[in-house]
Amino acid sequence: MRIQRLAMFLEAHFGEVELHMPEESEEEPEQGEDDHEPSLLVRLDEADARINLISLASCSCYLIFY
């Protein structure tokens, strides 16, 4: 329920939001690797922001065009 509310809030303010739920894996994730934790991906104009659903911390991933 908390995740749904957060996703609806972000979608209302920023547009498209994607939920990423990782597959269960026997391998241990490497330190600093967030791909093995559930997250929301918010697409902004020229950037993406990934919000970790465990820590609720955001990682901005800027796109650079050459």
N, C-alpha and C. Protein backbone atom coordinates (compact mmCIF):
# COMPACT_ATOMS: atom_id res chain seq x y z
N MET A 1 0.82 -1.19 0.00
CA MET A 1 0.00 0.00 0.00
C MET A 1 0.87 1.26 0.00
N ARG A 2 1.94 1.26 0.82
CA ARG A 2 2.85 2.41 0.89
C ARG A 2 3.50 2.66 -0.47
N ILE A 3 3.89 1.60 -1.15
CA ILE A 3 4.54 1.73 -2.46
C ILE A 3 3.56 2.29 -3.48
N GLN A 4 2.32 1.83 -3.45
CA GLN A 4 1.31 2.33 -4.38
C GLN A 4 1.08 3.83 -4.19
N ARG A 5 0.99 4.25 -2.95
CA ARG A 5 0.76 5.67 -2.67
C ARG A 5 1.94 6.52 -3.14
N LEU A 6 3.14 6.04 -2.88
CA LEU A 6 4.33 6.76 -3.32
C LEU A 6 4.37 6.85 -4.85
N ALA A 7 4.08 5.73 -5.52
CA ALA A 7 4.09 5.72 -6.99
C ALA A 7 3.03 6.66 -7.55
N MET A 8 1.83 6.69 -6.95
CA MET A 8 0.78 7.59 -7.43
C MET A 8 1.16 9.05 -7.22
N PHE A 9 1.78 9.37 -6.09
CA PHE A 9 2.23 10.73 -5.83
C PHE A 9 3.27 11.16 -6.86
N LEU A 10 4.27 10.31 -7.08
CA LEU A 10 5.33 10.64 -8.04
C LEU A 10 4.79 10.77 -9.45
N GLU A 11 3.87 9.88 -9.82
CA GLU A 11 3.28 9.92 -11.15
C GLU A 11 2.47 11.20 -11.36
N ALA A 12 1.77 11.65 -10.33
CA ALA A 12 0.97 12.87 -10.43
C ALA A 12 1.85 14.10 -10.63
N HIS A 13 3.04 14.08 -10.05
CA HIS A 13 3.92 15.25 -10.13
C HIS A 13 4.96 15.18 -11.25
N PHE A 14 5.40 13.99 -11.61
CA PHE A 14 6.50 13.88 -12.56
C PHE A 14 6.17 13.10 -13.83
N GLY A 15 5.07 12.37 -13.88
CA GLY A 15 4.74 11.60 -15.07
C GLY A 15 5.04 10.12 -14.88
N GLU A 16 5.62 9.52 -15.90
CA GLU A 16 5.83 8.08 -15.94
C GLU A 16 6.69 7.56 -14.78
N VAL A 17 6.19 6.52 -14.10
CA VAL A 17 6.90 5.87 -13.01
C VAL A 17 6.88 4.37 -13.27
N GLU A 18 8.04 3.71 -13.15
CA GLU A 18 8.14 2.26 -13.36
C GLU A 18 8.55 1.58 -12.07
N LEU A 19 7.89 0.48 -11.75
CA LEU A 19 8.24 -0.32 -10.59
C LEU A 19 9.18 -1.43 -11.04
N HIS A 20 10.32 -1.55 -10.36
CA HIS A 20 11.30 -2.60 -10.66
C HIS A 20 11.43 -3.51 -9.45
N MET A 21 11.03 -4.76 -9.64
CA MET A 21 11.15 -5.76 -8.59
C MET A 21 12.15 -6.81 -9.09
N PRO A 22 13.29 -6.94 -8.45
CA PRO A 22 14.32 -7.87 -8.91
C PRO A 22 13.91 -9.33 -8.70
N GLU A 23 14.46 -10.17 -9.55
CA GLU A 23 14.25 -11.61 -9.42
C GLU A 23 15.04 -12.11 -8.22
N GLU A 24 14.53 -13.13 -7.56
CA GLU A 24 15.28 -13.75 -6.47
C GLU A 24 16.50 -14.44 -7.06
N SER A 25 17.64 -14.25 -6.44
CA SER A 25 18.89 -14.80 -6.94
C SER A 25 19.69 -15.37 -5.79
N GLU A 26 20.40 -16.45 -6.06
CA GLU A 26 21.25 -17.04 -5.03
C GLU A 26 22.55 -16.28 -4.89
N GLU A 27 22.94 -15.50 -5.90
CA GLU A 27 24.17 -14.73 -5.86
C GLU A 27 24.01 -13.53 -4.94
N GLU A 28 25.06 -13.21 -4.21
CA GLU A 28 25.06 -12.03 -3.36
C GLU A 28 25.34 -10.81 -4.23
N PRO A 29 24.57 -9.73 -4.06
CA PRO A 29 24.85 -8.51 -4.84
C PRO A 29 26.16 -7.88 -4.38
N GLU A 30 26.85 -7.25 -5.32
CA GLU A 30 28.10 -6.56 -4.99
C GLU A 30 27.78 -5.30 -4.20
N GLN A 31 28.73 -4.89 -3.38
CA GLN A 31 28.53 -3.70 -2.55
C GLN A 31 28.28 -2.48 -3.43
N GLY A 32 27.27 -1.71 -3.06
CA GLY A 32 26.93 -0.50 -3.81
C GLY A 32 26.06 -0.76 -5.02
N GLU A 33 25.62 -1.98 -5.21
CA GLU A 33 24.81 -2.32 -6.38
C GLU A 33 23.35 -2.31 -5.97
N ASP A 34 22.53 -1.44 -6.58
CA ASP A 34 21.13 -1.30 -6.20
C ASP A 34 20.18 -2.09 -7.09
N ASP A 35 20.67 -2.77 -8.11
CA ASP A 35 19.81 -3.48 -9.04
C ASP A 35 19.12 -4.68 -8.40
N HIS A 36 19.56 -5.11 -7.22
CA HIS A 36 18.98 -6.29 -6.58
C HIS A 36 17.96 -5.90 -5.51
N GLU A 37 17.57 -4.63 -5.45
CA GLU A 37 16.59 -4.17 -4.48
C GLU A 37 15.42 -3.53 -5.23
N PRO A 38 14.21 -3.65 -4.70
CA PRO A 38 13.05 -3.05 -5.38
C PRO A 38 13.20 -1.53 -5.45
N SER A 39 12.75 -0.97 -6.57
CA SER A 39 12.89 0.48 -6.75
C SER A 39 11.82 1.01 -7.69
N LEU A 40 11.64 2.32 -7.64
CA LEU A 40 10.79 3.03 -8.59
C LEU A 40 11.70 3.86 -9.48
N LEU A 41 11.46 3.83 -10.77
CA LEU A 41 12.22 4.62 -11.72
C LEU A 41 11.31 5.74 -12.21
N VAL A 42 11.72 6.98 -11.94
CA VAL A 42 10.94 8.15 -12.35
C VAL A 42 11.67 8.80 -13.51
N ARG A 43 10.98 8.94 -14.63
CA ARG A 43 11.58 9.56 -15.81
C ARG A 43 11.26 11.05 -15.80
N LEU A 44 12.33 11.84 -15.79
CA LEU A 44 12.20 13.29 -15.84
C LEU A 44 12.56 13.75 -17.24
N ASP A 45 12.62 15.04 -17.50
CA ASP A 45 12.89 15.54 -18.84
C ASP A 45 14.14 14.93 -19.45
N GLU A 46 15.30 15.16 -18.86
CA GLU A 46 16.54 14.65 -19.42
C GLU A 46 17.30 13.78 -18.41
N ALA A 47 16.58 13.23 -17.45
CA ALA A 47 17.24 12.44 -16.42
C ALA A 47 16.28 11.38 -15.87
N ASP A 48 16.85 10.39 -15.24
CA ASP A 48 16.08 9.37 -14.54
C ASP A 48 16.45 9.44 -13.07
N ALA A 49 15.50 9.19 -12.21
CA ALA A 49 15.77 9.10 -10.77
C ALA A 49 15.28 7.74 -10.30
N ARG A 50 16.15 6.99 -9.64
CA ARG A 50 15.79 5.69 -9.10
C ARG A 50 15.63 5.83 -7.59
N ILE A 51 14.45 5.43 -7.08
CA ILE A 51 14.16 5.52 -5.66
C ILE A 51 14.15 4.11 -5.09
N ASN A 52 15.10 3.84 -4.21
CA ASN A 52 15.20 2.54 -3.55
C ASN A 52 14.03 2.42 -2.58
N LEU A 53 13.24 1.35 -2.70
CA LEU A 53 12.05 1.20 -1.87
C LEU A 53 12.35 0.64 -0.49
N ILE A 54 13.57 0.24 -0.24
CA ILE A 54 13.94 -0.21 1.10
C ILE A 54 14.42 0.98 1.93
N SER A 55 15.33 1.76 1.36
CA SER A 55 15.88 2.90 2.10
C SER A 55 15.16 4.21 1.78
N LEU A 56 14.38 4.24 0.70
CA LEU A 56 13.71 5.44 0.19
C LEU A 56 14.71 6.53 -0.21
N ALA A 57 15.94 6.13 -0.49
CA ALA A 57 16.95 7.06 -0.98
C ALA A 57 16.85 7.13 -2.50
N SER A 58 17.17 8.28 -3.03
CA SER A 58 17.10 8.49 -4.47
C SER A 58 18.50 8.57 -5.07
N CYS A 59 18.64 7.97 -6.23
CA CYS A 59 19.88 8.05 -7.00
C CYS A 59 19.51 8.67 -8.34
N SER A 60 20.04 9.81 -8.64
CA SER A 60 19.77 10.46 -9.92
C SER A 60 20.75 9.96 -10.95
N CYS A 61 20.23 9.57 -12.08
CA CYS A 61 21.05 9.06 -13.17
C CYS A 61 20.84 9.99 -14.35
N TYR A 62 21.72 10.94 -14.52
CA TYR A 62 21.58 11.94 -15.58
C TYR A 62 22.00 11.38 -16.92
N LEU A 63 21.22 11.72 -17.93
CA LEU A 63 21.53 11.33 -19.30
C LEU A 63 22.29 12.48 -19.96
N ILE A 64 23.37 12.16 -20.62
CA ILE A 64 24.16 13.18 -21.29
C ILE A 64 24.12 12.90 -22.79
N PHE A 65 23.74 13.87 -23.55
CA PHE A 65 23.67 13.72 -25.01
C PHE A 65 24.83 14.48 -25.64
N TYR A 66 25.51 13.84 -26.55
CA TYR A 66 26.63 14.47 -27.27
C TYR A 66 26.21 14.83 -28.66
